[in-house]
Amino acid sequence: MDDVEVRKLRTLLPEVEAAVREVGARLAGQRPADPCPESGLAGAMARFAAFDDPAAAELRARLAALRPQAGLPADEFDGAVPTGGEWWLCDAMDGAVQFLLGLPHWAVTATLVRDGAAVLSVVHAPQLGARTYRAVRGGGAELDGRSIAPVERELAATVAGTSQPPGVGADPVALRRAGASLSAVAGAVLAVRNLGPTSLQVAQVGSGHLGLFWEFGADAANLLPGALIATEAGAAVTDATGAAWKPAADAFLAAAPGLHRLALPLLNGLD
């Protein structure tokens, strides 16, 4: 994007952040301190909807007012990223499992997508110090208003993050590769952790809080917000072969550039 467009999006950024933070604050005030009492999936999903539906409606309405020319996927959105035009992708509760369990590891996200690529992203963690990541394509990335960059470490001193996409149980290839990669990475790094929301973990690579993050399976909507932040911070963001990551990819790796070169071989030859 040219400098004029970057400046326009940076002007929009504080308003998007304000919408995300306000929705997050309301949800944080409603979140139960104790774990969800429902023991069945149907009950847990109903409890999730009771929190998420009004928050998602508010977030969608706020974003639509900020940029009316950008579309919003229908409620039955399946996670695929629209490839043409401008769209808002947002999640009022990325990390719903943690939210329902009374844990603080969840986030609110908003991403503006243009022709299938993220151009603006905000990831806000209301109960993890109310930390807020944000980025504009071509304009760098920030955490709480400060520029960020990934941190290079020895692979053996690296803490890596990973996660599993929703519905991964129906993808036997992703399941097999996830298991094999966990063994490969865990044997090479200091520790492997799943720290909750995918979007937040990928953003944390951009700020150096995590050395790398990887995942197998289709998960574009959850990966896209953090991927822009990590990329703008200076991290290498690719698929498992080292090709530039695209939303349709079935694997994801984000890391500081030097760590990326060391981690990439661990994710190959897993089949």
C-alpha atoms as a PDB file:
ATOM      1  CA  MET A   1       0.000   0.000   0.000  1.00  0.00           C
ATOM      2  CA  ASP A   2       1.138   3.546  -0.615  1.00  0.00           C
ATOM      3  CA  ASP A   3       1.876   6.007   2.195  1.00  0.00           C
ATOM      4  CA  VAL A   4      -1.468   7.778   1.816  1.00  0.00           C
ATOM      5  CA  GLU A   5      -3.413   4.576   2.370  1.00  0.00           C
ATOM      6  CA  VAL A   6      -1.236   3.601   5.323  1.00  0.00           C
ATOM      7  CA  ARG A   7      -1.950   6.984   6.925  1.00  0.00           C
ATOM      8  CA  LYS A   8      -5.692   6.551   6.353  1.00  0.00           C
ATOM      9  CA  LEU A   9      -5.695   3.151   8.012  1.00  0.00           C
ATOM     10  CA  ARG A  10      -3.585   4.392  10.903  1.00  0.00           C
ATOM     11  CA  THR A  11      -6.211   7.110  11.443  1.00  0.00           C
ATOM     12  CA  LEU A  12      -8.866   4.383  11.612  1.00  0.00           C
ATOM     13  CA  LEU A  13      -6.834   2.223  14.003  1.00  0.00           C
ATOM     14  CA  PRO A  14      -7.576   4.048  17.311  1.00  0.00           C
ATOM     15  CA  GLU A  15     -11.313   3.881  16.626  1.00  0.00           C
ATOM     16  CA  VAL A  16     -11.131   0.152  15.956  1.00  0.00           C
ATOM     17  CA  GLU A  17      -9.099  -0.309  19.119  1.00  0.00           C
ATOM     18  CA  ALA A  18     -11.669   1.640  21.129  1.00  0.00           C
ATOM     19  CA  ALA A  19     -14.482  -0.595  19.859  1.00  0.00           C
ATOM     20  CA  VAL A  20     -12.537  -3.758  20.646  1.00  0.00           C
ATOM     21  CA  ARG A  21     -11.533  -2.575  24.114  1.00  0.00           C
ATOM     22  CA  GLU A  22     -15.080  -1.553  25.052  1.00  0.00           C
ATOM     23  CA  VAL A  23     -16.536  -4.884  23.989  1.00  0.00           C
ATOM     24  CA  GLY A  24     -13.753  -6.641  25.875  1.00  0.00           C
ATOM     25  CA  ALA A  25     -14.370  -4.615  29.035  1.00  0.00           C
ATOM     26  CA  ARG A  26     -18.068  -5.505  28.988  1.00  0.00           C
ATOM     27  CA  LEU A  27     -17.332  -9.194  28.545  1.00  0.00           C
ATOM     28  CA  ALA A  28     -14.690  -9.117  31.275  1.00  0.00           C
ATOM     29  CA  GLY A  29     -17.258  -7.638  33.649  1.00  0.00           C
ATOM     30  CA  GLN A  30     -19.682 -10.455  32.868  1.00  0.00           C
ATOM     31  CA  ARG A  31     -17.222 -13.357  32.901  1.00  0.00           C
ATOM     32  CA  PRO A  32     -17.891 -15.839  35.702  1.00  0.00           C
ATOM     33  CA  ALA A  33     -15.084 -16.370  38.179  1.00  0.00           C
ATOM     34  CA  ASP A  34     -15.859 -20.084  38.405  1.00  0.00           C
ATOM     35  CA  PRO A  35     -15.771 -22.663  35.603  1.00  0.00           C
ATOM     36  CA  CYS A  36     -18.852 -23.180  33.472  1.00  0.00           C
ATOM     37  CA  PRO A  37     -21.061 -25.657  35.402  1.00  0.00           C
ATOM     38  CA  GLU A  38     -22.374 -27.323  32.253  1.00  0.00           C
ATOM     39  CA  SER A  39     -21.031 -30.856  31.824  1.00  0.00           C
ATOM     40  CA  GLY A  40     -22.347 -31.442  28.283  1.00  0.00           C
ATOM     41  CA  LEU A  41     -21.369 -29.851  24.994  1.00  0.00           C
ATOM     42  CA  ALA A  42     -24.858 -28.555  24.208  1.00  0.00           C
ATOM     43  CA  GLY A  43     -25.097 -26.777  27.546  1.00  0.00           C
ATOM     44  CA  ALA A  44     -21.624 -25.287  27.205  1.00  0.00           C
ATOM     45  CA  MET A  45     -22.421 -24.027  23.695  1.00  0.00           C
ATOM     46  CA  ALA A  46     -25.628 -22.419  24.933  1.00  0.00           C
ATOM     47  CA  ARG A  47     -23.726 -20.694  27.726  1.00  0.00           C
ATOM     48  CA  PHE A  48     -21.115 -19.500  25.217  1.00  0.00           C
ATOM     49  CA  ALA A  49     -23.838 -18.072  22.965  1.00  0.00           C
ATOM     50  CA  ALA A  50     -25.385 -16.188  25.875  1.00  0.00           C
ATOM     51  CA  PHE A  51     -22.146 -14.256  26.293  1.00  0.00           C
ATOM     52  CA  ASP A  52     -20.860 -14.176  22.723  1.00  0.00           C
ATOM     53  CA  ASP A  53     -23.990 -13.352  20.696  1.00  0.00           C
ATOM     54  CA  PRO A  54     -24.629  -9.859  22.138  1.00  0.00           C
ATOM     55  CA  ALA A  55     -20.910  -9.033  22.262  1.00  0.00           C
ATOM     56  CA  ALA A  56     -20.388 -10.128  18.662  1.00  0.00           C
ATOM     57  CA  ALA A  57     -23.434  -8.126  17.537  1.00  0.00           C
ATOM     58  CA  GLU A  58     -22.088  -5.008  19.260  1.00  0.00           C
ATOM     59  CA  LEU A  59     -18.613  -5.440  17.789  1.00  0.00           C
ATOM     60  CA  ARG A  60     -19.963  -6.010  14.276  1.00  0.00           C
ATOM     61  CA  ALA A  61     -22.204  -2.942  14.531  1.00  0.00           C
ATOM     62  CA  ARG A  62     -19.337  -0.755  15.773  1.00  0.00           C
ATOM     63  CA  LEU A  63     -17.015  -1.875  12.981  1.00  0.00           C
ATOM     64  CA  ALA A  64     -19.721  -1.458  10.332  1.00  0.00           C
ATOM     65  CA  ALA A  65     -20.250   2.127  11.455  1.00  0.00           C
ATOM     66  CA  LEU A  66     -16.511   2.859  11.266  1.00  0.00           C
ATOM     67  CA  ARG A  67     -16.129   1.595   7.684  1.00  0.00           C
ATOM     68  CA  PRO A  68     -19.534   1.039   6.071  1.00  0.00           C
ATOM     69  CA  GLN A  69     -18.009   0.061   2.721  1.00  0.00           C
ATOM     70  CA  ALA A  70     -16.503  -3.057   4.279  1.00  0.00           C
ATOM     71  CA  GLY A  71     -18.727  -6.111   4.392  1.00  0.00           C
ATOM     72  CA  LEU A  72     -19.392  -8.413   7.320  1.00  0.00           C
ATOM     73  CA  PRO A  73     -19.651 -12.182   6.772  1.00  0.00           C
ATOM     74  CA  ALA A  74     -23.022 -13.717   7.533  1.00  0.00           C
ATOM     75  CA  ASP A  75     -23.658 -15.326  10.902  1.00  0.00           C
ATOM     76  CA  GLU A  76     -23.036 -18.766   9.398  1.00  0.00           C
ATOM     77  CA  PHE A  77     -19.493 -17.680   8.433  1.00  0.00           C
ATOM     78  CA  ASP A  78     -17.422 -20.877   8.144  1.00  0.00           C
ATOM     79  CA  GLY A  79     -13.991 -19.322   8.746  1.00  0.00           C
ATOM     80  CA  ALA A  80     -13.006 -18.949   5.088  1.00  0.00           C
ATOM     81  CA  VAL A  81     -11.518 -15.540   4.308  1.00  0.00           C
ATOM     82  CA  PRO A  82     -13.333 -13.598   1.531  1.00  0.00           C
ATOM     83  CA  THR A  83     -11.011 -13.112  -1.445  1.00  0.00           C
ATOM     84  CA  GLY A  84     -12.531 -10.019  -3.036  1.00  0.00           C
ATOM     85  CA  GLY A  85     -13.375  -6.571  -1.698  1.00  0.00           C
ATOM     86  CA  GLU A  86     -13.140  -5.288   1.871  1.00  0.00           C
ATOM     87  CA  TRP A  87     -14.436  -7.234   4.838  1.00  0.00           C
ATOM     88  CA  TRP A  88     -14.379  -7.015   8.604  1.00  0.00           C
ATOM     89  CA  LEU A  89     -13.460 -10.258  10.358  1.00  0.00           C
ATOM     90  CA  CYS A  90     -13.952 -10.082  14.107  1.00  0.00           C
ATOM     91  CA  ASP A  91     -14.170 -12.336  17.130  1.00  0.00           C
ATOM     92  CA  ALA A  92     -15.613 -11.092  20.399  1.00  0.00           C
ATOM     93  CA  MET A  93     -14.287 -14.125  22.269  1.00  0.00           C
ATOM     94  CA  ASP A  94     -11.210 -15.771  20.755  1.00  0.00           C
ATOM     95  CA  GLY A  95     -10.460 -18.325  23.457  1.00  0.00           C
ATOM     96  CA  ALA A  96     -14.051 -19.154  24.371  1.00  0.00           C
ATOM     97  CA  VAL A  97     -13.007 -22.325  26.205  1.00  0.00           C
ATOM     98  CA  GLN A  98     -10.785 -20.334  28.558  1.00  0.00           C
ATOM     99  CA  PHE A  99     -13.479 -17.693  29.029  1.00  0.00           C
ATOM    100  CA  LEU A 100     -16.035 -20.308  30.082  1.00  0.00           C
ATOM    101  CA  LEU A 101     -13.559 -21.948  32.441  1.00  0.00           C
ATOM    102  CA  GLY A 102     -12.945 -18.682  34.255  1.00  0.00           C
ATOM    103  CA  LEU A 103      -9.419 -18.343  32.870  1.00  0.00           C
ATOM    104  CA  PRO A 104      -8.009 -14.993  31.660  1.00  0.00           C
ATOM    105  CA  HIS A 105      -6.507 -16.272  28.391  1.00  0.00           C
ATOM    106  CA  TRP A 106      -8.977 -14.945  25.819  1.00  0.00           C
ATOM    107  CA  ALA A 107      -9.016 -12.016  23.402  1.00  0.00           C
ATOM    108  CA  VAL A 108     -11.192  -9.748  21.282  1.00  0.00           C
ATOM    109  CA  THR A 109     -10.044  -9.273  17.688  1.00  0.00           C
ATOM    110  CA  ALA A 110     -10.909  -7.129  14.681  1.00  0.00           C
ATOM    111  CA  THR A 111      -9.253  -7.374  11.285  1.00  0.00           C
ATOM    112  CA  LEU A 112      -9.908  -5.457   8.088  1.00  0.00           C
ATOM    113  CA  VAL A 113      -9.328  -7.693   5.071  1.00  0.00           C
ATOM    114  CA  ARG A 114      -8.849  -6.374   1.556  1.00  0.00           C
ATOM    115  CA  ASP A 115      -8.858  -8.800  -1.381  1.00  0.00           C
ATOM    116  CA  GLY A 116      -8.083 -11.701   0.925  1.00  0.00           C
ATOM    117  CA  ALA A 117      -5.201 -10.048   2.831  1.00  0.00           C
ATOM    118  CA  ALA A 118      -5.284  -8.367   6.240  1.00  0.00           C
ATOM    119  CA  VAL A 119      -4.526  -4.637   6.140  1.00  0.00           C
ATOM    120  CA  LEU A 120      -5.444  -3.660   9.732  1.00  0.00           C
ATOM    121  CA  SER A 121      -5.625  -5.741  12.884  1.00  0.00           C
ATOM    122  CA  VAL A 122      -6.281  -5.292  16.599  1.00  0.00           C
ATOM    123  CA  VAL A 123      -5.907  -8.068  19.202  1.00  0.00           C
ATOM    124  CA  HIS A 124      -6.894  -7.141  22.756  1.00  0.00           C
ATOM    125  CA  ALA A 125      -6.590  -9.326  25.878  1.00  0.00           C
ATOM    126  CA  PRO A 126      -8.913  -7.731  28.464  1.00  0.00           C
ATOM    127  CA  GLN A 127      -7.841  -9.872  31.419  1.00  0.00           C
ATOM    128  CA  LEU A 128      -4.152 -10.241  30.668  1.00  0.00           C
ATOM    129  CA  GLY A 129      -3.205  -6.728  31.691  1.00  0.00           C
ATOM    130  CA  ALA A 130      -5.612  -5.308  29.079  1.00  0.00           C
ATOM    131  CA  ARG A 131      -2.756  -5.586  26.575  1.00  0.00           C
ATOM    132  CA  THR A 132      -3.489  -4.513  23.013  1.00  0.00           C
ATOM    133  CA  TYR A 133      -1.624  -5.424  19.843  1.00  0.00           C
ATOM    134  CA  ARG A 134      -2.327  -3.527  16.648  1.00  0.00           C
ATOM    135  CA  ALA A 135      -0.897  -3.245  13.143  1.00  0.00           C
ATOM    136  CA  VAL A 136      -1.457  -1.724   9.716  1.00  0.00           C
ATOM    137  CA  ARG A 137       0.078  -3.331   6.653  1.00  0.00           C
ATOM    138  CA  GLY A 138       3.145  -1.310   5.766  1.00  0.00           C
ATOM    139  CA  GLY A 139       2.898   0.663   9.008  1.00  0.00           C
ATOM    140  CA  GLY A 140       4.537  -1.570  11.606  1.00  0.00           C
ATOM    141  CA  ALA A 141       3.132  -3.225  14.706  1.00  0.00           C
ATOM    142  CA  GLU A 142       2.637  -2.052  18.289  1.00  0.00           C
ATOM    143  CA  LEU A 143       1.881  -3.401  21.745  1.00  0.00           C
ATOM    144  CA  ASP A 144       0.223  -0.860  24.025  1.00  0.00           C
ATOM    145  CA  GLY A 145       1.432   1.945  21.768  1.00  0.00           C
ATOM    146  CA  ARG A 146       5.080   0.808  21.581  1.00  0.00           C
ATOM    147  CA  SER A 147       6.741  -0.582  18.471  1.00  0.00           C
ATOM    148  CA  ILE A 148       7.559  -4.277  18.750  1.00  0.00           C
ATOM    149  CA  ALA A 149       9.950  -6.750  17.164  1.00  0.00           C
ATOM    150  CA  PRO A 150      10.555 -10.493  17.524  1.00  0.00           C
ATOM    151  CA  VAL A 151      13.464 -11.709  19.649  1.00  0.00           C
ATOM    152  CA  GLU A 152      16.125 -14.090  18.366  1.00  0.00           C
ATOM    153  CA  ARG A 153      17.136 -16.902  20.700  1.00  0.00           C
ATOM    154  CA  GLU A 154      18.883 -20.220  20.529  1.00  0.00           C
ATOM    155  CA  LEU A 155      16.381 -22.888  19.575  1.00  0.00           C
ATOM    156  CA  ALA A 156      17.164 -24.728  22.810  1.00  0.00           C
ATOM    157  CA  ALA A 157      16.254 -21.580  24.801  1.00  0.00           C
ATOM    158  CA  THR A 158      13.009 -20.927  22.900  1.00  0.00           C
ATOM    159  CA  VAL A 159       9.460 -21.202  24.224  1.00  0.00           C
ATOM    160  CA  ALA A 160       7.178 -22.236  21.364  1.00  0.00           C
ATOM    161  CA  GLY A 161       3.410 -21.907  21.157  1.00  0.00           C
ATOM    162  CA  THR A 162       0.952 -24.093  19.316  1.00  0.00           C
ATOM    163  CA  SER A 163      -2.770 -24.771  19.097  1.00  0.00           C
ATOM    164  CA  GLN A 164      -5.357 -26.799  17.224  1.00  0.00           C
ATOM    165  CA  PRO A 165      -7.976 -25.368  14.863  1.00  0.00           C
ATOM    166  CA  PRO A 166     -11.677 -25.799  15.622  1.00  0.00           C
ATOM    167  CA  GLY A 167     -12.901 -29.078  14.178  1.00  0.00           C
ATOM    168  CA  VAL A 168      -9.410 -30.520  13.826  1.00  0.00           C
ATOM    169  CA  GLY A 169     -10.816 -33.886  14.875  1.00  0.00           C
ATOM    170  CA  ALA A 170     -12.388 -34.169  11.428  1.00  0.00           C
ATOM    171  CA  ASP A 171      -9.007 -33.671   9.696  1.00  0.00           C
ATOM    172  CA  PRO A 172      -6.913 -36.825  10.181  1.00  0.00           C
ATOM    173  CA  VAL A 173      -3.976 -35.393   8.226  1.00  0.00           C
ATOM    174  CA  ALA A 174      -3.775 -32.304  10.439  1.00  0.00           C
ATOM    175  CA  LEU A 175      -4.122 -34.459  13.551  1.00  0.00           C
ATOM    176  CA  ARG A 176      -1.262 -36.712  12.497  1.00  0.00           C
ATOM    177  CA  ARG A 177       1.003 -33.826  11.559  1.00  0.00           C
ATOM    178  CA  ALA A 178       0.167 -31.964  14.777  1.00  0.00           C
ATOM    179  CA  GLY A 179       1.168 -34.955  16.852  1.00  0.00           C
ATOM    180  CA  ALA A 180       4.372 -35.611  14.916  1.00  0.00           C
ATOM    181  CA  SER A 181       5.358 -31.942  14.993  1.00  0.00           C
ATOM    182  CA  LEU A 182       4.775 -31.712  18.734  1.00  0.00           C
ATOM    183  CA  SER A 183       7.287 -34.490  19.294  1.00  0.00           C
ATOM    184  CA  ALA A 184       9.760 -32.884  16.881  1.00  0.00           C
ATOM    185  CA  VAL A 185       9.515 -29.363  18.290  1.00  0.00           C
ATOM    186  CA  ALA A 186       9.318 -30.358  21.950  1.00  0.00           C
ATOM    187  CA  GLY A 187      12.578 -32.238  21.594  1.00  0.00           C
ATOM    188  CA  ALA A 188      14.363 -29.183  20.206  1.00  0.00           C
ATOM    189  CA  VAL A 189      13.103 -26.229  22.272  1.00  0.00           C
ATOM    190  CA  LEU A 190      13.007 -25.247  25.931  1.00  0.00           C
ATOM    191  CA  ALA A 191       9.241 -25.683  26.222  1.00  0.00           C
ATOM    192  CA  VAL A 192       6.044 -25.912  24.188  1.00  0.00           C
ATOM    193  CA  ARG A 193       2.924 -24.184  25.480  1.00  0.00           C
ATOM    194  CA  ASN A 194      -0.645 -23.552  24.379  1.00  0.00           C
ATOM    195  CA  LEU A 195      -1.368 -20.141  25.865  1.00  0.00           C
ATOM    196  CA  GLY A 196      -4.948 -19.779  24.726  1.00  0.00           C
ATOM    197  CA  PRO A 197      -6.159 -17.660  21.804  1.00  0.00           C
ATOM    198  CA  THR A 198      -4.433 -18.409  18.512  1.00  0.00           C
ATOM    199  CA  SER A 199      -4.522 -14.754  17.465  1.00  0.00           C
ATOM    200  CA  LEU A 200      -2.826 -13.659  20.679  1.00  0.00           C
ATOM    201  CA  GLN A 201      -0.123 -16.335  20.571  1.00  0.00           C
ATOM    202  CA  VAL A 202       0.847 -15.376  17.016  1.00  0.00           C
ATOM    203  CA  ALA A 203       0.955 -11.695  18.013  1.00  0.00           C
ATOM    204  CA  GLN A 204       3.194 -12.659  20.937  1.00  0.00           C
ATOM    205  CA  VAL A 205       5.753 -13.946  18.452  1.00  0.00           C
ATOM    206  CA  GLY A 206       5.859 -10.421  17.052  1.00  0.00           C
ATOM    207  CA  SER A 207       6.672  -8.964  20.475  1.00  0.00           C
ATOM    208  CA  GLY A 208       9.174 -11.671  21.410  1.00  0.00           C
ATOM    209  CA  HIS A 209       7.110 -13.118  24.255  1.00  0.00           C
ATOM    210  CA  LEU A 210       7.068 -16.360  22.268  1.00  0.00           C
ATOM    211  CA  GLY A 211       9.911 -17.419  20.013  1.00  0.00           C
ATOM    212  CA  LEU A 212       7.714 -19.228  17.526  1.00  0.00           C
ATOM    213  CA  PHE A 213       4.195 -20.487  16.942  1.00  0.00           C
ATOM    214  CA  TRP A 214       3.068 -23.272  14.631  1.00  0.00           C
ATOM    215  CA  GLU A 215      -0.163 -25.033  13.770  1.00  0.00           C
ATOM    216  CA  PHE A 216      -1.480 -27.629  11.332  1.00  0.00           C
ATOM    217  CA  GLY A 217      -4.969 -27.470   9.813  1.00  0.00           C
ATOM    218  CA  ALA A 218      -7.156 -24.795   8.249  1.00  0.00           C
ATOM    219  CA  ASP A 219      -7.615 -21.899  10.701  1.00  0.00           C
ATOM    220  CA  ALA A 220      -7.477 -18.723   8.617  1.00  0.00           C
ATOM    221  CA  ALA A 221      -9.873 -16.542  10.601  1.00  0.00           C
ATOM    222  CA  ASN A 222      -8.033 -17.176  13.877  1.00  0.00           C
ATOM    223  CA  LEU A 223      -4.543 -16.876  12.393  1.00  0.00           C
ATOM    224  CA  LEU A 224      -5.100 -13.772  10.269  1.00  0.00           C
ATOM    225  CA  PRO A 225      -5.143 -11.096  13.025  1.00  0.00           C
ATOM    226  CA  GLY A 226      -1.902 -12.219  14.638  1.00  0.00           C
ATOM    227  CA  ALA A 227      -0.249 -12.996  11.304  1.00  0.00           C
ATOM    228  CA  LEU A 228      -0.435  -9.348  10.246  1.00  0.00           C
ATOM    229  CA  ILE A 229       0.912  -8.192  13.611  1.00  0.00           C
ATOM    230  CA  ALA A 230       3.786 -10.689  13.567  1.00  0.00           C
ATOM    231  CA  THR A 231       4.658  -9.866   9.960  1.00  0.00           C
ATOM    232  CA  GLU A 232       4.657  -6.115  10.549  1.00  0.00           C
ATOM    233  CA  ALA A 233       6.805  -6.624  13.641  1.00  0.00           C
ATOM    234  CA  GLY A 234       9.430  -8.365  11.512  1.00  0.00           C
ATOM    235  CA  ALA A 235       8.716 -12.049  12.088  1.00  0.00           C
ATOM    236  CA  ALA A 236       8.839 -14.615   9.279  1.00  0.00           C
ATOM    237  CA  VAL A 237       5.325 -15.928   8.626  1.00  0.00           C
ATOM    238  CA  THR A 238       5.031 -18.922   6.293  1.00  0.00           C
ATOM    239  CA  ASP A 239       3.432 -22.299   5.808  1.00  0.00           C
ATOM    240  CA  ALA A 240       5.299 -25.449   6.828  1.00  0.00           C
ATOM    241  CA  THR A 241       7.260 -25.513   3.564  1.00  0.00           C
ATOM    242  CA  GLY A 242       8.581 -21.963   3.967  1.00  0.00           C
ATOM    243  CA  ALA A 243       6.261 -20.434   1.358  1.00  0.00           C
ATOM    244  CA  ALA A 244       4.507 -17.184   2.231  1.00  0.00           C
ATOM    245  CA  TRP A 245       1.471 -17.986   4.361  1.00  0.00           C
ATOM    246  CA  LYS A 246      -1.937 -17.555   2.712  1.00  0.00           C
ATOM    247  CA  PRO A 247      -5.318 -17.954   4.406  1.00  0.00           C
ATOM    248  CA  ALA A 248      -5.999 -21.135   2.409  1.00  0.00           C
ATOM    249  CA  ALA A 249      -2.809 -22.820   3.699  1.00  0.00           C
ATOM    250  CA  ASP A 250      -3.106 -25.975   5.820  1.00  0.00           C
ATOM    251  CA  ALA A 251      -0.104 -25.151   8.022  1.00  0.00           C
ATOM    252  CA  PHE A 252       1.359 -22.100   9.720  1.00  0.00           C
ATOM    253  CA  LEU A 253       4.701 -21.056  11.198  1.00  0.00           C
ATOM    254  CA  ALA A 254       5.629 -17.656  12.656  1.00  0.00           C
ATOM    255  CA  ALA A 255       9.017 -16.988  14.232  1.00  0.00           C
ATOM    256  CA  ALA A 256      11.871 -14.546  14.490  1.00  0.00           C
ATOM    257  CA  PRO A 257      13.730 -14.925  11.156  1.00  0.00           C
ATOM    258  CA  GLY A 258      16.712 -16.808  12.566  1.00  0.00           C
ATOM    259  CA  LEU A 259      14.515 -19.101  14.620  1.00  0.00           C
ATOM    260  CA  HIS A 260      12.299 -19.658  11.612  1.00  0.00           C
ATOM    261  CA  ARG A 261      15.220 -21.079   9.644  1.00  0.00           C
ATOM    262  CA  LEU A 262      15.959 -23.475  12.495  1.00  0.00           C
ATOM    263  CA  ALA A 263      12.331 -24.454  13.133  1.00  0.00           C
ATOM    264  CA  LEU A 264      11.275 -25.039   9.531  1.00  0.00           C
ATOM    265  CA  PRO A 265      13.089 -28.403   9.148  1.00  0.00           C
ATOM    266  CA  LEU A 266      11.280 -29.676  12.262  1.00  0.00           C
ATOM    267  CA  LEU A 267       7.934 -29.324  10.470  1.00  0.00           C
ATOM    268  CA  ASN A 268       8.999 -31.108   7.295  1.00  0.00           C
ATOM    269  CA  GLY A 269       9.047 -34.812   6.637  1.00  0.00           C
ATOM    270  CA  LEU A 270       6.245 -35.494   9.116  1.00  0.00           C
ATOM    271  CA  ASP A 271       4.014 -37.512   6.765  1.00  0.00           C
END
